[in-house]
C-alpha cells in the first residue's frame, strides 16, 4: 500500500509541481477502477467511487492533475497483451479492453494534437467480459464466475469512450 501511495499520489504531485514551474502539458494515466463498477459504461462526468485501494490511489491524484488545468487525465481499462496466462477467465467481469499498441497509438495522437481535449478522457475498446477477451487469445479458455469468488473486484468498469471517438475515431481491435 505504501508503494502504491508513493507512486500514484506523491509521484503525481511531484510531476504537477514541475509541470507548473515549466508550464508544460501533463498527460496522466488513470484507471477504470476509480468507479464502483456496478453499472458499467461510465462517462467522464460520472461520480467516482473506488472500491479498491488501487482505485483510490489513482482517483485521488486525478483531482490535482485536473486542477492544474493544462492536462488530460486518461482513464483506461484492462490493457490487453498477446497472452492470457490463466486457465480460465471471468464471464461476468466486464471492461473496455485495449491492446497495448493501440493504447500507445492513442496516447501519441493526444500528445501530438495541439487541440487535444483537456480534462478527463476515457480511452478503450468495446465492452467485453474477461472471458470474451481471453477466448480471443486462447480458444480453449475456461469460464469462471466472479460472483462465486470472494474478491473485492468491481464487476463492470467498462467505459463510455464517446468523447475520445469524437476527437480521434474508434480504436481498431
Protein backbone atom coordinates (compact mmCIF):
# COMPACT_ATOMS: atom_id res chain seq x y z
CA UNK A 1 0.00 0.00 0.00
CA UNK A 2 2.83 2.37 0.82
CA UNK A 3 4.37 1.89 -2.63
CA UNK A 4 1.04 2.47 -4.40
CA UNK A 5 0.61 5.70 -2.46
CA UNK A 6 4.17 6.86 -3.20
CA UNK A 7 3.96 6.16 -6.93
CA UNK A 8 0.37 7.12 -7.68
CA UNK A 9 -0.14 10.07 -5.33
CA UNK A 10 3.20 11.52 -4.24
CA UNK A 11 4.80 10.87 -7.63
CA UNK A 12 1.96 12.63 -9.41
CA UNK A 13 2.15 15.60 -7.03
CA UNK A 14 5.84 15.97 -7.90
CA UNK A 15 5.13 15.83 -11.64
CA UNK A 16 2.45 18.53 -11.33
CA UNK A 17 4.76 20.82 -9.32
CA UNK A 18 7.43 20.53 -12.02
CA UNK A 19 4.92 20.96 -14.85
CA UNK A 20 3.56 24.10 -13.18
CA UNK A 21 7.06 25.61 -12.88
CA UNK A 22 7.82 24.85 -16.54
CA UNK A 23 4.28 25.49 -17.86
CA UNK A 24 4.07 22.17 -19.71
CA UNK A 25 1.20 19.86 -20.63
CA UNK A 26 0.63 16.78 -18.44
CA UNK A 27 -0.91 13.51 -19.62
CA UNK A 28 -1.89 11.37 -16.62
CA UNK A 29 -2.85 7.71 -16.99
CA UNK A 30 -5.59 6.59 -14.64
CA UNK A 31 -7.90 3.60 -14.45
CA UNK A 32 -11.50 2.47 -14.70
CA UNK A 33 -11.11 1.27 -11.10
CA UNK A 34 -11.97 4.81 -9.93
CA UNK A 35 -15.59 3.69 -10.38
CA UNK A 36 -17.68 1.44 -8.16
CA UNK A 37 -18.14 -0.92 -11.10
CA UNK A 38 -21.83 -1.70 -10.84
CA UNK A 39 -23.43 -0.14 -13.92
CA UNK A 40 -20.59 0.00 -16.48
CA UNK A 41 -20.49 2.32 -19.50
CA UNK A 42 -19.07 5.06 -17.26
CA UNK A 43 -18.78 8.56 -18.72
CA UNK A 44 -16.11 11.09 -17.82
CA UNK A 45 -18.55 13.09 -15.67
CA UNK A 46 -19.84 10.13 -13.67
CA UNK A 47 -19.19 10.06 -9.95
CA UNK A 48 -16.00 8.30 -8.89
CA UNK A 49 -16.34 5.78 -6.09
CA UNK A 50 -13.34 3.45 -5.93
CA UNK A 51 -13.81 0.17 -4.06
CA UNK A 52 -10.14 -0.89 -4.10
CA UNK A 53 -7.03 0.71 -2.64
CA UNK A 54 -5.51 0.80 -6.13
CA UNK A 55 -8.56 2.68 -7.42
CA UNK A 56 -8.34 5.11 -4.52
CA UNK A 57 -4.67 5.87 -5.18
CA UNK A 58 -5.47 6.55 -8.85
CA UNK A 59 -8.59 8.62 -8.12
CA UNK A 60 -7.03 10.99 -5.60
CA UNK A 61 -4.32 12.41 -7.90
CA UNK A 62 -6.82 12.91 -10.73
CA UNK A 63 -8.16 15.87 -8.75
CA UNK A 64 -4.94 17.85 -8.56
CA UNK A 65 -3.96 16.97 -12.13
CA UNK A 66 -7.30 18.39 -13.29
CA UNK A 67 -6.86 21.47 -11.07
CA UNK A 68 -3.57 22.17 -12.86
CA UNK A 69 -5.67 22.67 -15.98
CA UNK A 70 -3.05 22.18 -18.68
CA UNK A 71 -3.65 18.45 -18.52
CA UNK A 72 -5.57 15.44 -19.74
CA UNK A 73 -6.36 12.52 -17.47
CA UNK A 74 -6.72 9.34 -19.48
CA UNK A 75 -8.86 6.69 -17.86
CA UNK A 76 -8.28 3.36 -19.47
CA UNK A 77 -9.30 -0.21 -18.78
CA UNK A 78 -7.56 -3.53 -18.69
CA UNK A 79 -4.59 -3.34 -21.06
CA UNK A 80 -4.62 -6.48 -23.17
CA UNK A 81 -1.45 -8.30 -24.15
CA UNK A 82 -0.94 -11.18 -26.58
CA UNK A 83 -1.24 -13.88 -23.93
CA UNK A 84 -3.72 -14.97 -21.28
CA UNK A 85 -1.69 -16.84 -18.66
CA UNK A 86 -4.64 -18.30 -16.76
CA UNK A 87 -6.69 -21.45 -17.48
CA UNK A 88 -9.99 -19.56 -17.10
CA UNK A 89 -11.45 -16.06 -17.18
CA UNK A 90 -14.42 -14.30 -15.58
CA UNK A 91 -17.58 -14.49 -17.66
CA UNK A 92 -19.28 -11.84 -15.50
CA UNK A 93 -16.49 -9.24 -15.13
CA UNK A 94 -16.56 -6.53 -17.83
CA UNK A 95 -14.07 -3.97 -19.04
CA UNK A 96 -13.23 -1.86 -22.10
CA UNK A 97 -10.14 -3.78 -23.10
CA UNK A 98 -7.50 -2.09 -25.20
CA UNK A 99 -4.40 -3.66 -26.71
CA UNK A 100 -1.20 -2.06 -25.52
CA UNK A 101 -0.07 -0.99 -29.00
CA UNK A 102 -3.46 0.63 -29.69
CA UNK A 103 -3.32 2.48 -26.38
CA UNK A 104 0.16 3.80 -27.19
CA UNK A 105 -1.03 4.95 -30.64
CA UNK A 106 -3.93 6.77 -28.97
CA UNK A 107 -1.66 8.46 -26.43
CA UNK A 108 0.67 9.64 -29.20
CA UNK A 109 -2.30 11.15 -31.07
CA UNK A 110 -3.32 13.06 -27.96
CA UNK A 111 0.16 14.35 -27.13
CA UNK A 112 0.82 15.47 -30.72
CA UNK A 113 -2.57 17.19 -31.09
CA UNK A 114 -2.36 20.95 -30.47
CA UNK A 115 -6.15 20.97 -30.00
CA UNK A 116 -6.22 17.96 -27.69
CA UNK A 117 -9.10 17.64 -25.27
CA UNK A 118 -8.24 18.75 -21.76
CA UNK A 119 -9.77 17.27 -18.63
CA UNK A 120 -10.96 13.68 -18.42
CA UNK A 121 -10.88 11.36 -21.41
CA UNK A 122 -11.82 7.68 -21.49
CA UNK A 123 -9.74 5.53 -23.84
CA UNK A 124 -10.60 1.90 -24.50
CA UNK A 125 -12.26 -0.64 -26.71
CA UNK A 126 -15.72 -2.15 -26.75
CA UNK A 127 -17.21 -3.56 -23.56
CA UNK A 128 -16.35 -7.26 -23.24
CA UNK A 129 -16.22 -9.83 -20.50
CA UNK A 130 -12.82 -11.08 -19.43
CA UNK A 131 -13.89 -14.44 -20.86
CA UNK A 132 -14.64 -12.94 -24.30
CA UNK A 133 -11.28 -11.17 -24.32
CA UNK A 134 -9.33 -14.24 -23.14
CA UNK A 135 -11.13 -16.50 -25.63
CA UNK A 136 -9.92 -14.26 -28.47
CA UNK A 137 -6.37 -15.13 -27.36
CA UNK A 138 -6.91 -18.76 -26.35
CA UNK A 139 -9.99 -20.57 -27.75
CA UNK A 140 -9.68 -23.29 -25.08
CA UNK A 141 -10.07 -20.93 -22.14
CA UNK A 142 -12.41 -21.95 -19.33
CA UNK A 143 -15.13 -19.85 -17.65
CA UNK A 144 -15.30 -18.81 -14.02
CA UNK A 145 -17.78 -16.58 -12.20
CA UNK A 146 -16.80 -13.52 -10.21
CA UNK A 147 -19.98 -13.94 -8.15
CA UNK A 148 -18.70 -17.26 -6.80
CA UNK A 149 -15.38 -15.77 -5.68
CA UNK A 150 -14.88 -13.66 -2.58
CA UNK A 151 -12.89 -10.89 -4.23
CA UNK A 152 -13.11 -7.12 -3.92
CA UNK A 153 -13.25 -6.60 -7.68
CA UNK A 154 -15.78 -4.28 -9.32
CA UNK A 155 -17.83 -6.36 -11.80
CA UNK A 156 -18.35 -3.82 -14.61
CA UNK A 157 -15.92 -0.95 -15.04
CA UNK A 158 -16.49 -0.59 -18.79
CA UNK A 159 -16.02 2.92 -20.09
CA UNK A 160 -18.04 5.10 -22.40
CA UNK A 161 -15.40 6.24 -24.91
CA UNK A 162 -17.68 8.53 -26.93
CA UNK A 163 -15.65 11.68 -26.23
CA UNK A 164 -12.44 10.02 -27.42
CA UNK A 165 -14.22 8.73 -30.55
CA UNK A 166 -15.47 12.25 -31.37
CA UNK A 167 -11.87 13.53 -31.34
CA UNK A 168 -9.91 10.60 -32.75
CA UNK A 169 -12.25 7.87 -34.01
CA UNK A 170 -12.71 4.34 -32.67
CA UNK A 171 -9.78 2.21 -31.63
CA UNK A 172 -9.48 -0.68 -34.06
CA UNK A 173 -9.16 -4.10 -32.47
